[in-house]
Amino acid sequence: MPQQNMDHNEDQYDIAIIALKLHNGVSIGQVVKPIQLQPLANSKGKEVEITG
């Protein structure tokens, strides 16, 4: 958990953790390329969408 979330407990520091089961013995990491998340400047009030 990010330290900012523990220190401030504000929505802007929320994270989501999704656990996925193996499918036919294959993990999601073996199928899709990881997406590097980058901090955004001036994103307050703007929609952010992550797809994969």
PDB file of N, CA and C in Angstrom:
ATOM      1  N   MET A   1       0.848  -1.171   0.000  1.00  0.00           N
ATOM      2  CA  MET A   1       0.000   0.000   0.000  1.00  0.00           C
ATOM      3  C   MET A   1       0.898   1.240   0.000  1.00  0.00           C
ATOM      4  N   PRO A   2       0.588   2.212  -0.852  1.00  0.00           N
ATOM      5  CA  PRO A   2       1.401   3.430  -0.892  1.00  0.00           C
ATOM      6  C   PRO A   2       1.373   4.168   0.443  1.00  0.00           C
ATOM      7  N   GLN A   3       2.512   4.708   0.834  1.00  0.00           N
ATOM      8  CA  GLN A   3       2.615   5.428   2.103  1.00  0.00           C
ATOM      9  C   GLN A   3       1.636   6.596   2.158  1.00  0.00           C
ATOM     10  N   GLN A   4       1.409   7.280   1.015  1.00  0.00           N
ATOM     11  CA  GLN A   4       0.486   8.419   1.003  1.00  0.00           C
ATOM     12  C   GLN A   4      -0.917   7.989   1.409  1.00  0.00           C
ATOM     13  N   ASN A   5      -1.333   6.790   1.001  1.00  0.00           N
ATOM     14  CA  ASN A   5      -2.657   6.306   1.366  1.00  0.00           C
ATOM     15  C   ASN A   5      -2.738   6.064   2.863  1.00  0.00           C
ATOM     16  N   MET A   6      -1.694   5.483   3.432  1.00  0.00           N
ATOM     17  CA  MET A   6      -1.693   5.219   4.873  1.00  0.00           C
ATOM     18  C   MET A   6      -1.630   6.517   5.668  1.00  0.00           C
ATOM     19  N   ASP A   7      -0.889   7.506   5.168  1.00  0.00           N
ATOM     20  CA  ASP A   7      -0.742   8.772   5.885  1.00  0.00           C
ATOM     21  C   ASP A   7      -1.984   9.648   5.799  1.00  0.00           C
ATOM     22  N   HIS A   8      -2.621   9.691   4.629  1.00  0.00           N
ATOM     23  CA  HIS A   8      -3.687  10.663   4.398  1.00  0.00           C
ATOM     24  C   HIS A   8      -5.075  10.038   4.264  1.00  0.00           C
ATOM     25  N   ASN A   9      -5.165   8.789   3.841  1.00  0.00           N
ATOM     26  CA  ASN A   9      -6.443   8.096   3.648  1.00  0.00           C
ATOM     27  C   ASN A   9      -7.439   8.942   2.860  1.00  0.00           C
ATOM     28  N   GLU A  10      -6.980   9.506   1.752  1.00  0.00           N
ATOM     29  CA  GLU A  10      -7.822  10.318   0.882  1.00  0.00           C
ATOM     30  C   GLU A  10      -8.053   9.582  -0.433  1.00  0.00           C
ATOM     31  N   ASP A  11      -9.198   9.884  -1.082  1.00  0.00           N
ATOM     32  CA  ASP A  11      -9.557   9.220  -2.336  1.00  0.00           C
ATOM     33  C   ASP A  11      -8.469   9.328  -3.390  1.00  0.00           C
ATOM     34  N   GLN A  12      -7.770  10.447  -3.432  1.00  0.00           N
ATOM     35  CA  GLN A  12      -6.760  10.636  -4.478  1.00  0.00           C
ATOM     36  C   GLN A  12      -5.605   9.656  -4.358  1.00  0.00           C
ATOM     37  N   TYR A  13      -5.470   8.991  -3.214  1.00  0.00           N
ATOM     38  CA  TYR A  13      -4.397   8.024  -3.030  1.00  0.00           C
ATOM     39  C   TYR A  13      -4.897   6.580  -3.069  1.00  0.00           C
ATOM     40  N   ASP A  14      -6.178   6.364  -3.407  1.00  0.00           N
ATOM     41  CA  ASP A  14      -6.736   5.015  -3.451  1.00  0.00           C
ATOM     42  C   ASP A  14      -6.065   4.175  -4.533  1.00  0.00           C
ATOM     43  N   ILE A  15      -5.980   2.896  -4.268  1.00  0.00           N
ATOM     44  CA  ILE A  15      -5.459   1.954  -5.257  1.00  0.00           C
ATOM     45  C   ILE A  15      -6.423   0.778  -5.345  1.00  0.00           C
ATOM     46  N   ALA A  16      -6.317   0.014  -6.398  1.00  0.00           N
ATOM     47  CA  ALA A  16      -7.108  -1.208  -6.545  1.00  0.00           C
ATOM     48  C   ALA A  16      -6.149  -2.359  -6.805  1.00  0.00           C
ATOM     49  N   ILE A  17      -6.406  -3.468  -6.154  1.00  0.00           N
ATOM     50  CA  ILE A  17      -5.621  -4.680  -6.380  1.00  0.00           C
ATOM     51  C   ILE A  17      -6.584  -5.740  -6.892  1.00  0.00           C
ATOM     52  N   ILE A  18      -6.270  -6.294  -8.037  1.00  0.00           N
ATOM     53  CA  ILE A  18      -7.125  -7.305  -8.649  1.00  0.00           C
ATOM     54  C   ILE A  18      -6.335  -8.605  -8.737  1.00  0.00           C
ATOM     55  N   ALA A  19      -6.862  -9.647  -8.113  1.00  0.00           N
ATOM     56  CA  ALA A  19      -6.213 -10.958  -8.170  1.00  0.00           C
ATOM     57  C   ALA A  19      -6.943 -11.813  -9.203  1.00  0.00           C
ATOM     58  N   LEU A  20      -6.204 -12.340 -10.147  1.00  0.00           N
ATOM     59  CA  LEU A  20      -6.790 -13.157 -11.209  1.00  0.00           C
ATOM     60  C   LEU A  20      -6.283 -14.591 -11.106  1.00  0.00           C
ATOM     61  N   LYS A  21      -7.189 -15.527 -11.305  1.00  0.00           N
ATOM     62  CA  LYS A  21      -6.831 -16.944 -11.281  1.00  0.00           C
ATOM     63  C   LYS A  21      -6.150 -17.338 -12.585  1.00  0.00           C
ATOM     64  N   LEU A  22      -5.407 -18.433 -12.525  1.00  0.00           N
ATOM     65  CA  LEU A  22      -4.835 -19.000 -13.746  1.00  0.00           C
ATOM     66  C   LEU A  22      -5.963 -19.444 -14.671  1.00  0.00           C
ATOM     67  N   HIS A  23      -5.756 -19.321 -15.962  1.00  0.00           N
ATOM     68  CA  HIS A  23      -6.716 -19.798 -16.956  1.00  0.00           C
ATOM     69  C   HIS A  23      -6.003 -20.816 -17.828  1.00  0.00           C
ATOM     70  N   ASN A  24      -6.451 -22.032 -17.772  1.00  0.00           N
ATOM     71  CA  ASN A  24      -5.782 -23.128 -18.487  1.00  0.00           C
ATOM     72  C   ASN A  24      -4.296 -23.201 -18.130  1.00  0.00           C
ATOM     73  N   GLY A  25      -3.986 -22.944 -16.859  1.00  0.00           N
ATOM     74  CA  GLY A  25      -2.606 -23.031 -16.389  1.00  0.00           C
ATOM     75  C   GLY A  25      -1.725 -21.850 -16.754  1.00  0.00           C
ATOM     76  N   VAL A  26      -2.315 -20.781 -17.304  1.00  0.00           N
ATOM     77  CA  VAL A  26      -1.544 -19.619 -17.754  1.00  0.00           C
ATOM     78  C   VAL A  26      -1.942 -18.402 -16.926  1.00  0.00           C
ATOM     79  N   SER A  27      -0.951 -17.625 -16.491  1.00  0.00           N
ATOM     80  CA  SER A  27      -1.241 -16.405 -15.738  1.00  0.00           C
ATOM     81  C   SER A  27      -1.358 -15.218 -16.687  1.00  0.00           C
ATOM     82  N   ILE A  28      -2.001 -14.159 -16.218  1.00  0.00           N
ATOM     83  CA  ILE A  28      -2.179 -12.974 -17.062  1.00  0.00           C
ATOM     84  C   ILE A  28      -0.834 -12.365 -17.452  1.00  0.00           C
ATOM     85  N   GLY A  29       0.162 -12.476 -16.585  1.00  0.00           N
ATOM     86  CA  GLY A  29       1.483 -11.937 -16.892  1.00  0.00           C
ATOM     87  C   GLY A  29       2.176 -12.646 -18.043  1.00  0.00           C
ATOM     88  N   GLN A  30       1.727 -13.855 -18.342  1.00  0.00           N
ATOM     89  CA  GLN A  30       2.288 -14.598 -19.471  1.00  0.00           C
ATOM     90  C   GLN A  30       1.583 -14.248 -20.781  1.00  0.00           C
ATOM     91  N   VAL A  31       0.468 -13.540 -20.697  1.00  0.00           N
ATOM     92  CA  VAL A  31      -0.349 -13.259 -21.875  1.00  0.00           C
ATOM     93  C   VAL A  31      -0.260 -11.798 -22.310  1.00  0.00           C
ATOM     94  N   VAL A  32      -0.264 -10.879 -21.355  1.00  0.00           N
ATOM     95  CA  VAL A  32      -0.260  -9.450 -21.697  1.00  0.00           C
ATOM     96  C   VAL A  32       1.018  -8.782 -21.211  1.00  0.00           C
ATOM     97  N   LYS A  33       1.398  -7.735 -21.884  1.00  0.00           N
ATOM     98  CA  LYS A  33       2.579  -6.961 -21.512  1.00  0.00           C
ATOM     99  C   LYS A  33       2.210  -6.031 -20.348  1.00  0.00           C
ATOM    100  N   PRO A  34       3.046  -5.933 -19.320  1.00  0.00           N
ATOM    101  CA  PRO A  34       2.753  -5.024 -18.208  1.00  0.00           C
ATOM    102  C   PRO A  34       2.684  -3.572 -18.681  1.00  0.00           C
ATOM    103  N   ILE A  35       1.809  -2.807 -18.053  1.00  0.00           N
ATOM    104  CA  ILE A  35       1.682  -1.380 -18.345  1.00  0.00           C
ATOM    105  C   ILE A  35       2.402  -0.616 -17.244  1.00  0.00           C
ATOM    106  N   GLN A  36       3.326   0.228 -17.624  1.00  0.00           N
ATOM    107  CA  GLN A  36       4.016   1.076 -16.651  1.00  0.00           C
ATOM    108  C   GLN A  36       3.110   2.254 -16.305  1.00  0.00           C
ATOM    109  N   LEU A  37       2.792   2.420 -15.043  1.00  0.00           N
ATOM    110  CA  LEU A  37       1.983   3.559 -14.619  1.00  0.00           C
ATOM    111  C   LEU A  37       2.902   4.737 -14.343  1.00  0.00           C
ATOM    112  N   GLN A  38       2.500   5.891 -14.794  1.00  0.00           N
ATOM    113  CA  GLN A  38       3.292   7.104 -14.635  1.00  0.00           C
ATOM    114  C   GLN A  38       2.467   8.138 -13.879  1.00  0.00           C
ATOM    115  N   PRO A  39       3.079   8.893 -12.983  1.00  0.00           N
ATOM    116  CA  PRO A  39       2.344   9.989 -12.344  1.00  0.00           C
ATOM    117  C   PRO A  39       1.992  11.048 -13.392  1.00  0.00           C
ATOM    118  N   LEU A  40       0.819  11.628 -13.253  1.00  0.00           N
ATOM    119  CA  LEU A  40       0.373  12.647 -14.194  1.00  0.00           C
ATOM    120  C   LEU A  40       0.424  14.022 -13.546  1.00  0.00           C
ATOM    121  N   ALA A  41       0.885  14.995 -14.282  1.00  0.00           N
ATOM    122  CA  ALA A  41       0.855  16.376 -13.808  1.00  0.00           C
ATOM    123  C   ALA A  41      -0.463  17.001 -14.255  1.00  0.00           C
ATOM    124  N   ASN A  42      -1.028  17.829 -13.423  1.00  0.00           N
ATOM    125  CA  ASN A  42      -2.257  18.563 -13.752  1.00  0.00           C
ATOM    126  C   ASN A  42      -3.408  17.644 -14.140  1.00  0.00           C
ATOM    127  N   SER A  43      -3.604  16.552 -13.417  1.00  0.00           N
ATOM    128  CA  SER A  43      -4.681  15.625 -13.757  1.00  0.00           C
ATOM    129  C   SER A  43      -5.928  15.829 -12.900  1.00  0.00           C
ATOM    130  N   LYS A  44      -5.869  16.720 -11.928  1.00  0.00           N
ATOM    131  CA  LYS A  44      -7.003  16.929 -11.036  1.00  0.00           C
ATOM    132  C   LYS A  44      -8.222  17.375 -11.842  1.00  0.00           C
ATOM    133  N   GLY A  45      -9.340  16.687 -11.631  1.00  0.00           N
ATOM    134  CA  GLY A  45     -10.574  17.021 -12.318  1.00  0.00           C
ATOM    135  C   GLY A  45     -10.702  16.436 -13.713  1.00  0.00           C
ATOM    136  N   LYS A  46      -9.700  15.675 -14.161  1.00  0.00           N
ATOM    137  CA  LYS A  46      -9.743  15.072 -15.488  1.00  0.00           C
ATOM    138  C   LYS A  46      -9.975  13.575 -15.353  1.00  0.00           C
ATOM    139  N   GLU A  47     -10.648  12.996 -16.343  1.00  0.00           N
ATOM    140  CA  GLU A  47     -10.857  11.552 -16.347  1.00  0.00           C
ATOM    141  C   GLU A  47      -9.571  10.840 -16.736  1.00  0.00           C
ATOM    142  N   VAL A  48      -9.300   9.730 -16.059  1.00  0.00           N
ATOM    143  CA  VAL A  48      -8.149   8.905 -16.388  1.00  0.00           C
ATOM    144  C   VAL A  48      -8.675   7.504 -16.650  1.00  0.00           C
ATOM    145  N   GLU A  49      -8.280   6.911 -17.750  1.00  0.00           N
ATOM    146  CA  GLU A  49      -8.732   5.568 -18.100  1.00  0.00           C
ATOM    147  C   GLU A  49      -7.523   4.690 -18.384  1.00  0.00           C
ATOM    148  N   ILE A  50      -7.514   3.511 -17.778  1.00  0.00           N
ATOM    149  CA  ILE A  50      -6.453   2.539 -18.034  1.00  0.00           C
ATOM    150  C   ILE A  50      -7.119   1.305 -18.616  1.00  0.00           C
ATOM    151  N   THR A  51      -6.645   0.873 -19.750  1.00  0.00           N
ATOM    152  CA  THR A  51      -7.185  -0.337 -20.359  1.00  0.00           C
ATOM    153  C   THR A  51      -6.056  -1.320 -20.593  1.00  0.00           C
ATOM    154  N   GLY A  52      -6.398  -2.544 -20.696  1.00  0.00           N
ATOM    155  CA  GLY A  52      -5.351  -3.518 -20.923  1.00  0.00           C
ATOM    156  C   GLY A  52      -5.899  -4.826 -21.406  1.00  0.00           C
TER     157      GLY A  52
END
